[in-house]
Amino acid sequence: MSLKLLLAISLLVVISGCTIKDNKENLEEVNKMQSIIVSTEAFKEGGNIPVEYTCDGSDVSPALSWSGIPEGTKSIALIMDDPDAPAGTWVHWVLFNIPPGTQKLPGAVPGNETLSDGSRHGMTDFGRVGYGGPCPPSGTHRYYFRIYALDTKLDLKPGTGRKQVDGAMKGHILAKGELMGRYRR
């Protein structure tokens, strides 16, 4: 075996070891995080999202509720996305700075930039703020409604994109939970 090949293999072993260690530490951090239970009366976990909440129906948000928000929470964020979209994960809803005592959202949340309780809508991949329901081009897609309890309010303007919201949340997530529904056209 040549010296170059031996060095390359050794380097890969060292890099792999670091990656495994880093992933293990990240997994331990996630396991320590408290879970939020997210639910809706509109559909069961992993079930089909009714047409009313899609682009083929009224395109309104379903009522959501959650429990398990830990003490010290300063705000809550909600992100809904579709990881099965052909061009990559498609963002359907971003809502942040939800007051920490909130335990539910009504159905048909208005698409205003800022809601009456101070919550702020972020920009979706539809190019607008507010909820944008499932609208897959083909096949069955999964839609994740994720709730995050944060130890801070996000200093972001309404209409901020998901990437910036994710960046602002980094290091501030106290707990999270998700609800997944499916839709097929």
N, C-alpha and C. Protein backbone atom coordinates (compact mmCIF):
# COMPACT_ATOMS: atom_id res chain seq x y z
N MET A 1 0.86 -1.17 0.00
CA MET A 1 0.00 0.00 0.00
C MET A 1 0.90 1.23 0.00
N SER A 2 0.59 2.20 -0.83
CA SER A 2 1.41 3.39 -0.92
C SER A 2 1.23 4.28 0.31
N LEU A 3 2.22 5.11 0.58
CA LEU A 3 2.19 6.01 1.73
C LEU A 3 1.03 7.01 1.60
N LYS A 4 0.78 7.50 0.38
CA LYS A 4 -0.32 8.45 0.16
C LYS A 4 -1.67 7.81 0.49
N LEU A 5 -1.87 6.58 0.04
CA LEU A 5 -3.13 5.88 0.31
C LEU A 5 -3.30 5.62 1.80
N LEU A 6 -2.20 5.23 2.46
CA LEU A 6 -2.25 4.98 3.89
C LEU A 6 -2.59 6.26 4.66
N LEU A 7 -1.99 7.38 4.26
CA LEU A 7 -2.29 8.67 4.89
C LEU A 7 -3.74 9.08 4.64
N ALA A 8 -4.23 8.86 3.45
CA ALA A 8 -5.63 9.21 3.12
C ALA A 8 -6.59 8.39 3.96
N ILE A 9 -6.33 7.11 4.11
CA ILE A 9 -7.19 6.24 4.92
C ILE A 9 -7.13 6.69 6.39
N SER A 10 -5.94 7.00 6.88
CA SER A 10 -5.79 7.45 8.27
C SER A 10 -6.56 8.74 8.50
N LEU A 11 -6.48 9.66 7.55
CA LEU A 11 -7.20 10.93 7.66
C LEU A 11 -8.71 10.69 7.69
N LEU A 12 -9.20 9.81 6.84
CA LEU A 12 -10.64 9.49 6.84
C LEU A 12 -11.08 8.89 8.16
N VAL A 13 -10.26 8.04 8.75
CA VAL A 13 -10.60 7.43 10.04
C VAL A 13 -10.69 8.52 11.11
N VAL A 14 -9.73 9.45 11.11
CA VAL A 14 -9.74 10.54 12.10
C VAL A 14 -10.96 11.42 11.90
N ILE A 15 -11.24 11.80 10.65
CA ILE A 15 -12.40 12.66 10.36
C ILE A 15 -13.68 11.95 10.75
N SER A 16 -13.79 10.68 10.41
CA SER A 16 -14.99 9.91 10.75
C SER A 16 -15.19 9.86 12.25
N GLY A 17 -14.11 9.67 12.99
CA GLY A 17 -14.20 9.65 14.44
C GLY A 17 -14.72 10.96 14.99
N CYS A 18 -14.25 12.08 14.44
CA CYS A 18 -14.73 13.39 14.89
C CYS A 18 -16.19 13.56 14.56
N THR A 19 -16.57 13.16 13.37
CA THR A 19 -17.96 13.31 12.95
C THR A 19 -18.88 12.48 13.83
N ILE A 20 -18.49 11.25 14.11
CA ILE A 20 -19.31 10.40 14.97
C ILE A 20 -19.44 11.02 16.35
N LYS A 21 -18.32 11.52 16.90
CA LYS A 21 -18.35 12.15 18.21
C LYS A 21 -19.26 13.38 18.20
N ASP A 22 -19.11 14.26 17.19
CA ASP A 22 -19.93 15.45 17.09
C ASP A 22 -21.41 15.08 16.97
N ASN A 23 -21.74 14.10 16.13
CA ASN A 23 -23.13 13.68 15.98
C ASN A 23 -23.67 13.11 17.27
N LYS A 24 -22.84 12.35 18.01
CA LYS A 24 -23.28 11.78 19.28
C LYS A 24 -23.59 12.91 20.27
N GLU A 25 -22.73 13.94 20.31
CA GLU A 25 -22.97 15.07 21.22
C GLU A 25 -24.24 15.81 20.84
N ASN A 26 -24.46 16.01 19.53
CA ASN A 26 -25.69 16.67 19.08
C ASN A 26 -26.91 15.84 19.44
N LEU A 27 -26.83 14.52 19.28
CA LEU A 27 -27.95 13.64 19.61
C LEU A 27 -28.24 13.69 21.11
N GLU A 28 -27.19 13.70 21.93
CA GLU A 28 -27.39 13.80 23.38
C GLU A 28 -28.07 15.12 23.74
N GLU A 29 -27.69 16.20 23.07
CA GLU A 29 -28.30 17.51 23.32
C GLU A 29 -29.78 17.48 22.97
N VAL A 30 -30.14 16.88 21.83
CA VAL A 30 -31.53 16.78 21.42
C VAL A 30 -32.32 15.92 22.42
N ASN A 31 -31.72 14.82 22.88
CA ASN A 31 -32.40 13.94 23.83
C ASN A 31 -32.68 14.62 25.16
N LYS A 32 -31.82 15.59 25.56
CA LYS A 32 -32.02 16.33 26.81
C LYS A 32 -33.18 17.32 26.68
N MET A 33 -33.49 17.73 25.46
CA MET A 33 -34.50 18.74 25.21
C MET A 33 -35.89 18.21 25.54
N GLN A 34 -36.66 19.04 26.22
CA GLN A 34 -38.03 18.69 26.57
C GLN A 34 -38.89 18.64 25.31
N SER A 35 -39.88 17.74 25.30
CA SER A 35 -40.76 17.61 24.14
C SER A 35 -42.07 18.35 24.34
N ILE A 36 -42.54 18.94 23.28
CA ILE A 36 -43.84 19.61 23.25
C ILE A 36 -44.77 18.67 22.49
N ILE A 37 -45.98 18.49 23.01
CA ILE A 37 -46.99 17.67 22.34
C ILE A 37 -47.83 18.60 21.47
N VAL A 38 -47.87 18.35 20.17
CA VAL A 38 -48.62 19.19 19.21
C VAL A 38 -49.77 18.36 18.67
N SER A 39 -50.96 18.95 18.61
CA SER A 39 -52.11 18.21 18.10
C SER A 39 -53.11 19.13 17.40
N THR A 40 -54.03 18.51 16.71
CA THR A 40 -55.13 19.21 16.06
C THR A 40 -56.32 18.24 16.03
N GLU A 41 -57.50 18.81 16.00
CA GLU A 41 -58.70 17.97 15.84
C GLU A 41 -58.97 17.71 14.36
N ALA A 42 -58.25 18.39 13.47
CA ALA A 42 -58.47 18.27 12.04
C ALA A 42 -57.99 16.94 11.46
N PHE A 43 -56.93 16.37 12.03
CA PHE A 43 -56.39 15.10 11.55
C PHE A 43 -55.53 14.48 12.64
N LYS A 44 -55.29 13.19 12.52
CA LYS A 44 -54.45 12.46 13.47
C LYS A 44 -53.00 12.55 13.02
N GLU A 45 -52.09 12.33 13.97
CA GLU A 45 -50.67 12.28 13.66
C GLU A 45 -50.44 11.28 12.53
N GLY A 46 -49.81 11.74 11.45
CA GLY A 46 -49.53 10.90 10.30
C GLY A 46 -50.72 10.68 9.38
N GLY A 47 -51.87 11.27 9.74
CA GLY A 47 -53.09 11.10 8.95
C GLY A 47 -53.19 12.08 7.79
N ASN A 48 -54.29 11.98 7.07
CA ASN A 48 -54.52 12.86 5.91
C ASN A 48 -55.08 14.20 6.35
N ILE A 49 -54.51 15.25 5.79
CA ILE A 49 -54.97 16.61 6.06
C ILE A 49 -56.22 16.83 5.21
N PRO A 50 -57.33 17.25 5.82
CA PRO A 50 -58.56 17.49 5.06
C PRO A 50 -58.38 18.59 4.00
N VAL A 51 -59.09 18.45 2.90
CA VAL A 51 -59.00 19.37 1.76
C VAL A 51 -59.20 20.83 2.18
N GLU A 52 -60.05 21.08 3.16
CA GLU A 52 -60.32 22.45 3.63
C GLU A 52 -59.03 23.23 3.92
N TYR A 53 -57.98 22.55 4.39
CA TYR A 53 -56.75 23.20 4.82
C TYR A 53 -55.69 23.23 3.73
N THR A 54 -56.09 22.97 2.48
CA THR A 54 -55.16 22.89 1.36
C THR A 54 -55.53 23.90 0.27
N CYS A 55 -54.67 23.99 -0.73
CA CYS A 55 -54.94 24.90 -1.86
C CYS A 55 -56.14 24.43 -2.68
N ASP A 56 -56.55 23.19 -2.50
CA ASP A 56 -57.71 22.67 -3.21
C ASP A 56 -59.02 22.98 -2.49
N GLY A 57 -58.91 23.53 -1.28
CA GLY A 57 -60.07 23.87 -0.47
C GLY A 57 -60.04 25.34 -0.11
N SER A 58 -60.30 25.65 1.15
CA SER A 58 -60.33 27.03 1.63
C SER A 58 -58.94 27.60 1.91
N ASP A 59 -57.92 26.74 1.94
CA ASP A 59 -56.54 27.16 2.19
C ASP A 59 -56.40 27.95 3.49
N VAL A 60 -57.06 27.45 4.55
CA VAL A 60 -56.96 28.08 5.87
C VAL A 60 -56.20 27.14 6.80
N SER A 61 -55.56 27.72 7.79
CA SER A 61 -54.80 26.92 8.74
C SER A 61 -55.72 26.13 9.66
N PRO A 62 -55.30 24.92 10.02
CA PRO A 62 -56.08 24.16 11.00
C PRO A 62 -55.83 24.72 12.40
N ALA A 63 -56.78 24.54 13.29
CA ALA A 63 -56.56 24.89 14.69
C ALA A 63 -55.49 23.95 15.24
N LEU A 64 -54.55 24.48 15.98
CA LEU A 64 -53.48 23.68 16.58
C LEU A 64 -53.47 23.92 18.08
N SER A 65 -53.08 22.92 18.84
CA SER A 65 -52.88 23.10 20.27
C SER A 65 -51.61 22.37 20.66
N TRP A 66 -51.04 22.79 21.79
CA TRP A 66 -49.81 22.17 22.26
C TRP A 66 -49.72 22.25 23.78
N SER A 67 -48.90 21.37 24.32
CA SER A 67 -48.64 21.37 25.76
C SER A 67 -47.19 21.00 25.97
N GLY A 68 -46.68 21.33 27.15
CA GLY A 68 -45.29 21.02 27.46
C GLY A 68 -44.34 22.18 27.28
N ILE A 69 -44.86 23.40 27.26
CA ILE A 69 -43.99 24.58 27.15
C ILE A 69 -43.29 24.75 28.50
N PRO A 70 -41.96 24.74 28.53
CA PRO A 70 -41.24 24.81 29.81
C PRO A 70 -41.21 26.22 30.40
N GLU A 71 -40.95 26.26 31.71
CA GLU A 71 -40.75 27.55 32.38
C GLU A 71 -39.55 28.23 31.74
N GLY A 72 -39.57 29.54 31.73
CA GLY A 72 -38.48 30.29 31.13
C GLY A 72 -38.69 30.60 29.66
N THR A 73 -39.78 30.08 29.09
CA THR A 73 -40.07 30.36 27.69
C THR A 73 -40.47 31.82 27.54
N LYS A 74 -39.83 32.52 26.59
CA LYS A 74 -40.12 33.93 26.32
C LYS A 74 -40.97 34.12 25.07
N SER A 75 -40.92 33.13 24.19
CA SER A 75 -41.75 33.18 22.97
C SER A 75 -41.82 31.79 22.37
N ILE A 76 -42.77 31.63 21.46
CA ILE A 76 -42.98 30.36 20.76
C ILE A 76 -42.92 30.65 19.26
N ALA A 77 -42.37 29.71 18.52
CA ALA A 77 -42.32 29.82 17.06
C ALA A 77 -42.97 28.58 16.45
N LEU A 78 -43.57 28.77 15.28
CA LEU A 78 -44.19 27.68 14.54
C LEU A 78 -43.64 27.72 13.12
N ILE A 79 -43.24 26.57 12.63
CA ILE A 79 -42.80 26.45 11.23
C ILE A 79 -43.47 25.22 10.65
N MET A 80 -44.10 25.39 9.49
CA MET A 80 -44.70 24.28 8.77
C MET A 80 -43.98 24.14 7.44
N ASP A 81 -43.54 22.92 7.13
CA ASP A 81 -42.87 22.72 5.85
C ASP A 81 -43.17 21.35 5.27
N ASP A 82 -42.79 21.20 4.01
CA ASP A 82 -42.98 19.98 3.23
C ASP A 82 -41.60 19.52 2.75
N PRO A 83 -41.02 18.49 3.39
CA PRO A 83 -39.70 18.03 2.95
C PRO A 83 -39.73 17.21 1.67
N ASP A 84 -40.93 16.91 1.16
CA ASP A 84 -41.05 16.07 -0.04
C ASP A 84 -41.21 16.87 -1.32
N ALA A 85 -41.12 18.19 -1.24
CA ALA A 85 -41.28 19.03 -2.43
C ALA A 85 -40.16 18.73 -3.43
N PRO A 86 -40.46 18.77 -4.73
CA PRO A 86 -39.46 18.42 -5.74
C PRO A 86 -38.18 19.25 -5.71
N ALA A 87 -38.29 20.53 -5.35
CA ALA A 87 -37.12 21.40 -5.35
C ALA A 87 -36.45 21.47 -3.98
N GLY A 88 -36.84 20.63 -3.04
CA GLY A 88 -36.31 20.68 -1.69
C GLY A 88 -37.41 21.11 -0.73
N THR A 89 -37.09 21.21 0.54
CA THR A 89 -38.09 21.54 1.56
C THR A 89 -38.80 22.86 1.23
N TRP A 90 -40.13 22.81 1.22
CA TRP A 90 -40.97 23.96 0.89
C TRP A 90 -41.60 24.50 2.18
N VAL A 91 -41.41 25.79 2.44
CA VAL A 91 -41.91 26.42 3.65
C VAL A 91 -43.34 26.92 3.42
N HIS A 92 -44.28 26.41 4.24
CA HIS A 92 -45.69 26.75 4.11
C HIS A 92 -46.18 27.77 5.14
N TRP A 93 -45.47 27.88 6.26
CA TRP A 93 -45.95 28.79 7.31
C TRP A 93 -44.81 29.06 8.28
N VAL A 94 -44.63 30.35 8.60
CA VAL A 94 -43.67 30.77 9.62
C VAL A 94 -44.38 31.78 10.51
N LEU A 95 -44.43 31.50 11.80
CA LEU A 95 -45.06 32.40 12.77
C LEU A 95 -44.17 32.40 14.00
N PHE A 96 -43.70 33.58 14.41
CA PHE A 96 -42.79 33.66 15.55
C PHE A 96 -43.22 34.77 16.51
N ASN A 97 -42.59 34.78 17.68
CA ASN A 97 -42.93 35.69 18.78
C ASN A 97 -44.37 35.49 19.26
N ILE A 98 -44.83 34.25 19.20
CA ILE A 98 -46.12 33.89 19.79
C ILE A 98 -45.92 34.02 21.31
N PRO A 99 -46.82 34.69 22.02
CA PRO A 99 -46.65 34.84 23.47
C PRO A 99 -46.47 33.48 24.18
N PRO A 100 -45.61 33.43 25.19
CA PRO A 100 -45.25 32.16 25.83
C PRO A 100 -46.41 31.43 26.52
N GLY A 101 -47.44 32.13 26.93
CA GLY A 101 -48.58 31.48 27.58
C GLY A 101 -49.57 30.88 26.61
N THR A 102 -49.36 31.07 25.33
CA THR A 102 -50.27 30.56 24.31
C THR A 102 -50.19 29.03 24.25
N GLN A 103 -51.35 28.39 24.23
CA GLN A 103 -51.39 26.93 24.15
C GLN A 103 -52.13 26.44 22.92
N LYS A 104 -52.65 27.39 22.12
CA LYS A 104 -53.34 26.96 20.91
C LYS A 104 -53.48 28.14 19.95
N LEU A 105 -53.69 27.79 18.70
CA LEU A 105 -54.02 28.76 17.66
C LEU A 105 -55.37 28.36 17.09
N PRO A 106 -56.22 29.32 16.83
CA PRO A 106 -57.50 28.98 16.23
C PRO A 106 -57.31 28.60 14.77
N GLY A 107 -58.30 28.01 14.17
CA GLY A 107 -58.26 27.74 12.74
C GLY A 107 -58.35 29.06 11.98
N ALA A 108 -57.91 29.07 10.75
CA ALA A 108 -57.98 30.23 9.86
C ALA A 108 -57.29 31.46 10.46
N VAL A 109 -56.04 31.27 10.93
CA VAL A 109 -55.26 32.40 11.44
C VAL A 109 -55.11 33.41 10.30
N PRO A 110 -55.43 34.70 10.56
CA PRO A 110 -55.31 35.71 9.49
C PRO A 110 -53.87 35.83 8.99
N GLY A 111 -53.72 36.17 7.75
CA GLY A 111 -52.41 36.30 7.13
C GLY A 111 -51.76 37.66 7.32
N ASN A 112 -52.13 38.38 8.36
CA ASN A 112 -51.53 39.70 8.63
C ASN A 112 -50.05 39.54 9.00
N GLU A 113 -49.24 40.55 8.69
CA GLU A 113 -47.83 40.49 9.06
C GLU A 113 -47.68 40.33 10.57
N THR A 114 -48.45 41.12 11.33
CA THR A 114 -48.42 41.06 12.79
C THR A 114 -49.84 40.80 13.29
N LEU A 115 -49.98 39.82 14.18
CA LEU A 115 -51.29 39.48 14.72
C LEU A 115 -51.58 40.33 15.96
N SER A 116 -52.81 40.32 16.42
CA SER A 116 -53.22 41.17 17.55
C SER A 116 -52.45 40.86 18.83
N ASP A 117 -51.93 39.64 18.99
CA ASP A 117 -51.16 39.30 20.19
C ASP A 117 -49.67 39.60 20.06
N GLY A 118 -49.26 40.19 18.92
CA GLY A 118 -47.87 40.53 18.69
C GLY A 118 -47.09 39.48 17.90
N SER A 119 -47.69 38.32 17.65
CA SER A 119 -47.03 37.30 16.84
C SER A 119 -46.75 37.88 15.45
N ARG A 120 -45.66 37.44 14.87
CA ARG A 120 -45.26 37.94 13.54
C ARG A 120 -45.16 36.80 12.54
N HIS A 121 -45.72 37.03 11.38
CA HIS A 121 -45.61 36.05 10.30
C HIS A 121 -44.31 36.27 9.54
N GLY A 122 -43.67 35.16 9.20
CA GLY A 122 -42.50 35.21 8.34
C GLY A 122 -42.92 34.89 6.90
N MET A 123 -41.97 35.02 6.01
CA MET A 123 -42.20 34.78 4.59
C MET A 123 -42.21 33.28 4.29
N THR A 124 -43.16 32.86 3.48
CA THR A 124 -43.23 31.46 3.04
C THR A 124 -42.59 31.34 1.65
N ASP A 125 -42.47 30.12 1.18
CA ASP A 125 -41.94 29.91 -0.17
C ASP A 125 -42.97 30.24 -1.24
N PHE A 126 -44.20 30.59 -0.83
CA PHE A 126 -45.20 31.09 -1.78
C PHE A 126 -44.95 32.57 -2.07
N GLY A 127 -44.00 33.18 -1.34
CA GLY A 127 -43.67 34.59 -1.54
C GLY A 127 -44.62 35.53 -0.81
N ARG A 128 -45.26 35.03 0.25
CA ARG A 128 -46.18 35.86 1.03
C ARG A 128 -46.12 35.44 2.49
N VAL A 129 -46.66 36.28 3.37
CA VAL A 129 -46.74 35.92 4.78
C VAL A 129 -48.07 35.21 5.03
N GLY A 130 -48.13 34.47 6.12
CA GLY A 130 -49.35 33.75 6.46
C GLY A 130 -49.29 32.31 5.99
N TYR A 131 -50.30 31.58 6.37
CA TYR A 131 -50.41 30.17 6.06
C TYR A 131 -50.61 29.93 4.57
N GLY A 132 -49.92 28.94 4.04
CA GLY A 132 -50.13 28.45 2.68
C GLY A 132 -50.27 26.95 2.77
N GLY A 133 -51.43 26.44 2.51
CA GLY A 133 -51.71 25.02 2.72
C GLY A 133 -51.03 24.09 1.74
N PRO A 134 -51.12 22.80 2.02
CA PRO A 134 -50.56 21.79 1.14
C PRO A 134 -51.08 21.94 -0.29
N CYS A 135 -50.17 21.77 -1.23
CA CYS A 135 -50.51 21.95 -2.64
C CYS A 135 -49.48 21.18 -3.49
N PRO A 136 -49.31 19.88 -3.23
CA PRO A 136 -48.26 19.14 -3.91
C PRO A 136 -48.53 18.99 -5.41
N PRO A 137 -47.48 19.04 -6.22
CA PRO A 137 -47.67 18.87 -7.66
C PRO A 137 -48.10 17.45 -8.03
N SER A 138 -47.64 16.47 -7.22
CA SER A 138 -48.02 15.07 -7.46
C SER A 138 -47.61 14.25 -6.25
N GLY A 139 -48.21 13.10 -6.13
CA GLY A 139 -47.85 12.18 -5.06
C GLY A 139 -48.30 12.64 -3.68
N THR A 140 -48.01 11.81 -2.71
CA THR A 140 -48.33 12.11 -1.32
C THR A 140 -47.14 12.81 -0.68
N HIS A 141 -47.40 13.92 -0.03
CA HIS A 141 -46.35 14.67 0.66
C HIS A 141 -46.64 14.70 2.15
N ARG A 142 -45.56 14.85 2.95
CA ARG A 142 -45.67 15.00 4.39
C ARG A 142 -45.54 16.48 4.75
N TYR A 143 -46.34 16.91 5.72
CA TYR A 143 -46.33 18.31 6.17
C TYR A 143 -46.11 18.32 7.67
N TYR A 144 -45.03 18.97 8.09
CA TYR A 144 -44.66 19.03 9.50
C TYR A 144 -45.01 20.39 10.09
N PHE A 145 -45.78 20.37 11.17
CA PHE A 145 -46.09 21.56 11.95
C PHE A 145 -45.18 21.47 13.17
N ARG A 146 -44.16 22.32 13.26
CA ARG A 146 -43.21 22.26 14.37
C ARG A 146 -43.40 23.46 15.28
N ILE A 147 -43.43 23.19 16.58
CA ILE A 147 -43.56 24.23 17.60
C ILE A 147 -42.25 24.26 18.38
N TYR A 148 -41.71 25.47 18.58
CA TYR A 148 -40.48 25.66 19.33
C TYR A 148 -40.72 26.61 20.50
N ALA A 149 -40.29 26.22 21.70
CA ALA A 149 -40.30 27.10 22.87
C ALA A 149 -38.92 27.74 22.94
N LEU A 150 -38.88 29.07 22.97
CA LEU A 150 -37.61 29.79 22.93
C LEU A 150 -37.37 30.57 24.21
N ASP A 151 -36.11 30.75 24.57
CA ASP A 151 -35.77 31.51 25.76
C ASP A 151 -35.60 33.00 25.47
N THR A 152 -36.08 33.43 24.31
CA THR A 152 -35.98 34.83 23.90
C THR A 152 -37.10 35.17 22.93
N LYS A 153 -37.37 36.46 22.76
CA LYS A 153 -38.20 36.91 21.64
C LYS A 153 -37.24 37.17 20.50
N LEU A 154 -37.67 36.89 19.30
CA LEU A 154 -36.80 37.08 18.14
C LEU A 154 -36.87 38.53 17.67
N ASP A 155 -35.72 39.14 17.54
CA ASP A 155 -35.62 40.53 17.10
C ASP A 155 -35.60 40.55 15.56
N LEU A 156 -36.73 40.14 14.99
CA LEU A 156 -36.86 40.05 13.54
C LEU A 156 -38.13 40.76 13.10
N LYS A 157 -38.11 41.31 11.93
CA LYS A 157 -39.28 42.00 11.38
C LYS A 157 -40.26 41.00 10.78
N PRO A 158 -41.53 41.36 10.72
CA PRO A 158 -42.48 40.52 9.98
C PRO A 158 -41.99 40.34 8.54
N GLY A 159 -42.24 39.19 7.97
CA GLY A 159 -41.81 38.93 6.59
C GLY A 159 -40.41 38.36 6.49
N THR A 160 -39.76 38.14 7.64
CA THR A 160 -38.43 37.53 7.64
C THR A 160 -38.54 36.09 7.16
N GLY A 161 -37.56 35.64 6.39
CA GLY A 161 -37.57 34.28 5.86
C GLY A 161 -37.21 33.23 6.88
N ARG A 162 -37.55 32.02 6.58
CA ARG A 162 -37.31 30.90 7.49
C ARG A 162 -35.83 30.74 7.83
N LYS A 163 -34.95 30.92 6.87
CA LYS A 163 -33.52 30.75 7.12
C LYS A 163 -33.06 31.70 8.24
N GLN A 164 -33.52 32.94 8.20
CA GLN A 164 -33.15 33.91 9.22
C GLN A 164 -33.81 33.57 10.56
N VAL A 165 -35.05 33.08 10.51
CA VAL A 165 -35.74 32.68 11.74
C VAL A 165 -34.99 31.50 12.37
N ASP A 166 -34.62 30.51 11.56
CA ASP A 166 -33.84 29.37 12.07
C ASP A 166 -32.54 29.86 12.72
N GLY A 167 -31.86 30.78 12.05
CA GLY A 167 -30.60 31.31 12.58
C GLY A 167 -30.80 32.03 13.90
N ALA A 168 -31.87 32.82 14.00
CA ALA A 168 -32.14 33.56 15.24
C ALA A 168 -32.54 32.62 16.38
N MET A 169 -33.15 31.47 16.05
CA MET A 169 -33.56 30.51 17.08
C MET A 169 -32.39 29.68 17.60
N LYS A 170 -31.34 29.57 16.80
CA LYS A 170 -30.21 28.71 17.17
C LYS A 170 -29.67 29.09 18.54
N GLY A 171 -29.56 28.10 19.41
CA GLY A 171 -29.06 28.30 20.76
C GLY A 171 -30.11 28.80 21.75
N HIS A 172 -31.35 28.98 21.28
CA HIS A 172 -32.42 29.50 22.13
C HIS A 172 -33.60 28.54 22.28
N ILE A 173 -33.50 27.34 21.72
CA ILE A 173 -34.62 26.40 21.76
C ILE A 173 -34.60 25.62 23.07
N LEU A 174 -35.66 25.80 23.86
CA LEU A 174 -35.81 25.09 25.13
C LEU A 174 -36.52 23.75 24.95
N ALA A 175 -37.44 23.71 24.02
CA ALA A 175 -38.22 22.50 23.77
C ALA A 175 -38.82 22.59 22.38
N LYS A 176 -39.15 21.43 21.81
CA LYS A 176 -39.80 21.44 20.51
C LYS A 176 -40.69 20.22 20.36
N GLY A 177 -41.63 20.32 19.44
CA GLY A 177 -42.51 19.21 19.14
C GLY A 177 -43.03 19.36 17.73
N GLU A 178 -43.59 18.29 17.19
CA GLU A 178 -44.10 18.36 15.83
C GLU A 178 -45.31 17.47 15.65
N LEU A 179 -46.07 17.85 14.65
CA LEU A 179 -47.24 17.10 14.21
C LEU A 179 -47.08 16.95 12.70
N MET A 180 -47.26 15.73 12.20
CA MET A 180 -47.10 15.49 10.76
C MET A 180 -48.43 15.02 10.19
N GLY A 181 -48.81 15.63 9.06
CA GLY A 181 -49.97 15.21 8.31
C GLY A 181 -49.58 14.98 6.86
N ARG A 182 -50.42 14.28 6.13
CA ARG A 182 -50.13 13.97 4.72
C ARG A 182 -51.23 14.53 3.83
N TYR A 183 -50.83 14.81 2.59
CA TYR A 183 -51.83 15.22 1.63
C TYR A 183 -51.41 14.75 0.25
N ARG A 184 -52.41 14.30 -0.52
CA ARG A 184 -52.21 13.85 -1.91
C ARG A 184 -53.29 14.47 -2.76
N ARG A 185 -52.90 15.03 -3.89
CA ARG A 185 -53.87 15.65 -4.81
C ARG A 185 -54.37 14.61 -5.80
